[in-house]
Amino acid sequence: MSRKRRIFSAPFKAKVALEAIKGHRTISELTLKHKLHATQINLWKKQLLDGAEGVFETGSGTKKTKPAVTDEPQTAELYEQIGRLKVQLEWLKKKVAEVSE
């Protein structure tokens, strides 16, 4: 039986990574507290430390980045392509049926 993959929010990751950086608790204590693997905590800690200088690049660090572009135009194009392919498939099926008769 397969388990569902757990998805963690960005604030939770930041909280755990900050706890690891502070060093008030060991990594093994944090793994028990948050039910995570030590490798995952160390990865989030490394990501936080690597991205920390980005906070100070914009000045105050309170500016929001641009929102992610939605993929709605892409999905609309894909649905359009699916429709065209379905029409072509039906046409080919009719032609094959006519030839085989």
N, C-alpha and C. Protein backbone atom coordinates (compact mmCIF):
# COMPACT_ATOMS: atom_id res chain seq x y z
N MET A 1 0.85 -1.17 0.00
CA MET A 1 0.00 0.00 0.00
C MET A 1 0.90 1.24 0.00
N SER A 2 0.66 2.15 -0.93
CA SER A 2 1.50 3.34 -1.02
C SER A 2 0.97 4.44 -0.10
N ARG A 3 1.92 5.20 0.41
CA ARG A 3 1.57 6.33 1.27
C ARG A 3 1.47 7.58 0.43
N LYS A 4 0.63 8.51 0.86
CA LYS A 4 0.53 9.78 0.18
C LYS A 4 1.73 10.63 0.58
N ARG A 5 2.23 11.37 -0.38
CA ARG A 5 3.35 12.26 -0.14
C ARG A 5 2.87 13.47 0.65
N ARG A 6 3.59 13.78 1.71
CA ARG A 6 3.21 14.95 2.51
C ARG A 6 3.76 16.21 1.85
N ILE A 7 2.95 17.25 1.85
CA ILE A 7 3.36 18.53 1.29
C ILE A 7 3.38 19.55 2.43
N PHE A 8 4.50 20.23 2.55
CA PHE A 8 4.67 21.19 3.64
C PHE A 8 4.62 22.61 3.10
N SER A 9 4.02 23.50 3.88
CA SER A 9 3.91 24.89 3.47
C SER A 9 5.24 25.59 3.69
N ALA A 10 5.42 26.70 3.01
CA ALA A 10 6.65 27.48 3.13
C ALA A 10 6.85 28.01 4.56
N PRO A 11 5.80 28.50 5.23
CA PRO A 11 6.00 28.96 6.61
C PRO A 11 6.46 27.83 7.55
N PHE A 12 5.93 26.62 7.35
CA PHE A 12 6.34 25.49 8.19
C PHE A 12 7.81 25.17 7.94
N LYS A 13 8.23 25.15 6.67
CA LYS A 13 9.62 24.86 6.34
C LYS A 13 10.54 25.91 6.97
N ALA A 14 10.13 27.18 6.88
CA ALA A 14 10.95 28.24 7.44
C ALA A 14 11.05 28.11 8.96
N LYS A 15 9.95 27.76 9.58
CA LYS A 15 9.94 27.59 11.04
C LYS A 15 10.90 26.49 11.47
N VAL A 16 10.83 25.34 10.80
CA VAL A 16 11.69 24.21 11.14
C VAL A 16 13.15 24.56 10.87
N ALA A 17 13.41 25.20 9.73
CA ALA A 17 14.78 25.57 9.38
C ALA A 17 15.35 26.57 10.38
N LEU A 18 14.54 27.52 10.81
CA LEU A 18 15.01 28.49 11.80
C LEU A 18 15.31 27.82 13.14
N GLU A 19 14.47 26.87 13.53
CA GLU A 19 14.73 26.13 14.76
C GLU A 19 16.06 25.38 14.66
N ALA A 20 16.34 24.83 13.49
CA ALA A 20 17.59 24.10 13.29
C ALA A 20 18.78 25.04 13.33
N ILE A 21 18.62 26.22 12.77
CA ILE A 21 19.72 27.19 12.76
C ILE A 21 19.98 27.73 14.15
N LYS A 22 18.93 27.99 14.91
CA LYS A 22 19.09 28.52 16.26
C LYS A 22 19.89 27.58 17.15
N GLY A 23 19.68 26.28 16.99
CA GLY A 23 20.46 25.31 17.73
C GLY A 23 19.99 25.08 19.15
N HIS A 24 18.80 25.53 19.51
CA HIS A 24 18.28 25.27 20.86
C HIS A 24 17.97 23.80 21.05
N ARG A 25 17.64 23.12 19.96
CA ARG A 25 17.38 21.69 19.98
C ARG A 25 18.25 21.02 18.93
N THR A 26 18.56 19.79 19.13
CA THR A 26 19.35 19.06 18.15
C THR A 26 18.46 18.67 16.97
N ILE A 27 19.12 18.27 15.89
CA ILE A 27 18.38 17.85 14.71
C ILE A 27 17.53 16.62 15.04
N SER A 28 18.07 15.72 15.83
CA SER A 28 17.29 14.52 16.17
C SER A 28 16.07 14.86 17.01
N GLU A 29 16.16 15.87 17.87
CA GLU A 29 14.99 16.31 18.63
C GLU A 29 13.95 16.93 17.71
N LEU A 30 14.43 17.69 16.72
CA LEU A 30 13.50 18.30 15.77
C LEU A 30 12.82 17.24 14.90
N THR A 31 13.55 16.18 14.56
CA THR A 31 12.93 15.11 13.75
C THR A 31 11.80 14.44 14.52
N LEU A 32 11.99 14.24 15.79
CA LEU A 32 10.94 13.63 16.60
C LEU A 32 9.76 14.59 16.79
N LYS A 33 10.07 15.85 17.02
CA LYS A 33 9.02 16.84 17.26
C LYS A 33 8.13 17.03 16.03
N HIS A 34 8.75 17.14 14.85
CA HIS A 34 8.00 17.45 13.64
C HIS A 34 7.74 16.24 12.75
N LYS A 35 8.20 15.07 13.18
CA LYS A 35 8.03 13.82 12.43
C LYS A 35 8.59 13.95 11.01
N LEU A 36 9.84 14.40 10.93
CA LEU A 36 10.55 14.57 9.67
C LEU A 36 11.84 13.77 9.71
N HIS A 37 12.48 13.64 8.56
CA HIS A 37 13.77 12.99 8.49
C HIS A 37 14.85 14.05 8.65
N ALA A 38 15.96 13.67 9.24
CA ALA A 38 17.05 14.62 9.49
C ALA A 38 17.58 15.23 8.19
N THR A 39 17.61 14.44 7.14
CA THR A 39 18.08 14.94 5.85
C THR A 39 17.19 16.06 5.35
N GLN A 40 15.88 15.93 5.54
CA GLN A 40 14.94 16.95 5.10
C GLN A 40 15.17 18.25 5.87
N ILE A 41 15.36 18.15 7.17
CA ILE A 41 15.60 19.34 7.98
C ILE A 41 16.89 20.02 7.56
N ASN A 42 17.94 19.23 7.33
CA ASN A 42 19.22 19.81 6.91
C ASN A 42 19.11 20.46 5.54
N LEU A 43 18.30 19.89 4.64
CA LEU A 43 18.10 20.47 3.32
C LEU A 43 17.40 21.83 3.44
N TRP A 44 16.34 21.90 4.23
CA TRP A 44 15.63 23.17 4.43
C TRP A 44 16.54 24.20 5.09
N LYS A 45 17.36 23.77 6.02
CA LYS A 45 18.30 24.66 6.70
C LYS A 45 19.28 25.24 5.68
N LYS A 46 19.81 24.38 4.81
CA LYS A 46 20.76 24.83 3.79
C LYS A 46 20.09 25.79 2.82
N GLN A 47 18.85 25.49 2.41
CA GLN A 47 18.12 26.37 1.50
C GLN A 47 17.89 27.74 2.13
N LEU A 48 17.58 27.75 3.42
CA LEU A 48 17.35 29.02 4.11
C LEU A 48 18.64 29.83 4.18
N LEU A 49 19.73 29.18 4.49
CA LEU A 49 21.00 29.88 4.58
C LEU A 49 21.48 30.37 3.21
N ASP A 50 21.25 29.59 2.18
CA ASP A 50 21.65 29.99 0.83
C ASP A 50 20.82 31.16 0.32
N GLY A 51 19.55 31.21 0.68
CA GLY A 51 18.67 32.27 0.21
C GLY A 51 18.58 33.47 1.12
N ALA A 52 19.32 33.46 2.21
CA ALA A 52 19.22 34.54 3.20
C ALA A 52 19.68 35.88 2.64
N GLU A 53 20.69 35.88 1.77
CA GLU A 53 21.17 37.16 1.26
C GLU A 53 20.14 37.82 0.35
N GLY A 54 19.21 37.07 -0.19
CA GLY A 54 18.15 37.64 -1.02
C GLY A 54 17.24 38.56 -0.24
N VAL A 55 17.14 38.37 1.05
CA VAL A 55 16.29 39.22 1.89
C VAL A 55 16.84 40.63 1.92
N PHE A 56 18.15 40.77 1.89
CA PHE A 56 18.77 42.08 2.03
C PHE A 56 19.07 42.76 0.70
N GLU A 57 18.88 42.06 -0.41
CA GLU A 57 19.17 42.65 -1.72
C GLU A 57 18.16 43.72 -2.10
N THR A 58 16.91 43.56 -1.74
CA THR A 58 15.88 44.52 -2.13
C THR A 58 15.76 45.68 -1.16
N GLY A 59 16.55 45.70 -0.14
CA GLY A 59 16.49 46.79 0.83
C GLY A 59 15.85 46.33 2.12
N SER A 60 14.57 46.63 2.28
CA SER A 60 13.89 46.32 3.53
C SER A 60 13.50 44.85 3.63
N GLY A 61 13.38 44.17 2.52
CA GLY A 61 12.99 42.77 2.54
C GLY A 61 11.50 42.55 2.66
N THR A 62 10.73 43.64 2.67
CA THR A 62 9.28 43.50 2.82
C THR A 62 8.57 43.50 1.48
N LYS A 63 9.31 43.80 0.39
CA LYS A 63 8.67 43.83 -0.92
C LYS A 63 8.32 42.42 -1.34
N LYS A 64 7.16 42.30 -1.93
CA LYS A 64 6.71 41.01 -2.44
C LYS A 64 7.25 40.82 -3.85
N THR A 65 7.55 39.60 -4.19
CA THR A 65 7.97 39.30 -5.54
C THR A 65 6.74 39.25 -6.43
N LYS A 66 6.96 39.27 -7.73
CA LYS A 66 5.85 39.22 -8.66
C LYS A 66 5.11 37.90 -8.51
N PRO A 67 3.80 37.93 -8.59
CA PRO A 67 3.05 36.67 -8.48
C PRO A 67 3.38 35.77 -9.66
N ALA A 68 3.31 34.49 -9.41
CA ALA A 68 3.60 33.51 -10.45
C ALA A 68 2.57 33.61 -11.57
N VAL A 69 3.02 33.49 -12.78
CA VAL A 69 2.13 33.55 -13.93
C VAL A 69 1.31 32.27 -13.96
N THR A 70 0.03 32.43 -14.13
CA THR A 70 -0.83 31.25 -14.17
C THR A 70 -0.65 30.54 -15.50
N ASP A 71 -0.93 29.28 -15.50
CA ASP A 71 -0.76 28.49 -16.71
C ASP A 71 -2.06 28.33 -17.47
N GLU A 72 -3.01 29.20 -17.26
CA GLU A 72 -4.29 29.09 -17.94
C GLU A 72 -4.18 29.20 -19.45
N PRO A 73 -3.39 30.14 -20.00
CA PRO A 73 -3.28 30.17 -21.46
C PRO A 73 -2.70 28.87 -22.01
N GLN A 74 -1.75 28.30 -21.29
CA GLN A 74 -1.15 27.07 -21.75
C GLN A 74 -2.18 25.94 -21.73
N THR A 75 -2.98 25.85 -20.68
CA THR A 75 -3.97 24.79 -20.62
C THR A 75 -5.04 24.99 -21.69
N ALA A 76 -5.39 26.24 -21.98
CA ALA A 76 -6.37 26.49 -23.03
C ALA A 76 -5.83 26.01 -24.37
N GLU A 77 -4.56 26.27 -24.63
CA GLU A 77 -3.94 25.81 -25.88
C GLU A 77 -3.93 24.28 -25.94
N LEU A 78 -3.67 23.66 -24.81
CA LEU A 78 -3.62 22.20 -24.78
C LEU A 78 -5.00 21.59 -25.02
N TYR A 79 -6.05 22.18 -24.43
CA TYR A 79 -7.41 21.69 -24.67
C TYR A 79 -7.79 21.86 -26.14
N GLU A 80 -7.36 22.96 -26.72
CA GLU A 80 -7.64 23.20 -28.14
C GLU A 80 -6.96 22.13 -28.99
N GLN A 81 -5.72 21.82 -28.65
CA GLN A 81 -4.99 20.79 -29.38
C GLN A 81 -5.65 19.42 -29.21
N ILE A 82 -6.10 19.11 -28.01
CA ILE A 82 -6.79 17.83 -27.76
C ILE A 82 -8.03 17.74 -28.63
N GLY A 83 -8.78 18.82 -28.73
CA GLY A 83 -9.98 18.83 -29.56
C GLY A 83 -9.67 18.56 -31.01
N ARG A 84 -8.61 19.23 -31.52
CA ARG A 84 -8.21 19.00 -32.91
C ARG A 84 -7.81 17.56 -33.14
N LEU A 85 -7.05 17.00 -32.22
CA LEU A 85 -6.60 15.62 -32.36
C LEU A 85 -7.76 14.63 -32.32
N LYS A 86 -8.76 14.92 -31.49
CA LYS A 86 -9.94 14.05 -31.44
C LYS A 86 -10.68 14.05 -32.77
N VAL A 87 -10.83 15.23 -33.36
CA VAL A 87 -11.50 15.34 -34.65
C VAL A 87 -10.73 14.57 -35.71
N GLN A 88 -9.40 14.72 -35.71
CA GLN A 88 -8.58 14.00 -36.68
C GLN A 88 -8.70 12.49 -36.49
N LEU A 89 -8.72 12.04 -35.24
CA LEU A 89 -8.82 10.63 -34.94
C LEU A 89 -10.14 10.05 -35.44
N GLU A 90 -11.22 10.77 -35.19
CA GLU A 90 -12.53 10.31 -35.66
C GLU A 90 -12.56 10.24 -37.19
N TRP A 91 -11.99 11.23 -37.86
CA TRP A 91 -11.95 11.24 -39.32
C TRP A 91 -11.16 10.04 -39.83
N LEU A 92 -10.01 9.77 -39.21
CA LEU A 92 -9.19 8.63 -39.62
C LEU A 92 -9.91 7.30 -39.39
N LYS A 93 -10.64 7.19 -38.28
CA LYS A 93 -11.40 5.96 -38.00
C LYS A 93 -12.45 5.73 -39.09
N LYS A 94 -13.13 6.79 -39.51
CA LYS A 94 -14.14 6.66 -40.56
C LYS A 94 -13.51 6.22 -41.87
N LYS A 95 -12.36 6.82 -42.20
CA LYS A 95 -11.69 6.48 -43.44
C LYS A 95 -11.20 5.04 -43.44
N VAL A 96 -10.65 4.57 -42.33
CA VAL A 96 -10.18 3.20 -42.23
C VAL A 96 -11.36 2.23 -42.34
N ALA A 97 -12.49 2.57 -41.75
CA ALA A 97 -13.67 1.72 -41.81
C ALA A 97 -14.20 1.65 -43.26
N GLU A 98 -14.16 2.76 -43.99
CA GLU A 98 -14.62 2.79 -45.36
C GLU A 98 -13.71 1.94 -46.27
N VAL A 99 -12.40 2.03 -46.06
CA VAL A 99 -11.44 1.30 -46.88
C VAL A 99 -11.50 -0.19 -46.59
N SER A 100 -11.69 -0.57 -45.36
CA SER A 100 -11.68 -1.99 -45.00
C SER A 100 -12.96 -2.71 -45.40
N GLU A 101 -14.01 -2.00 -45.75
CA GLU A 101 -15.29 -2.63 -46.14
C GLU A 101 -15.27 -3.17 -47.50
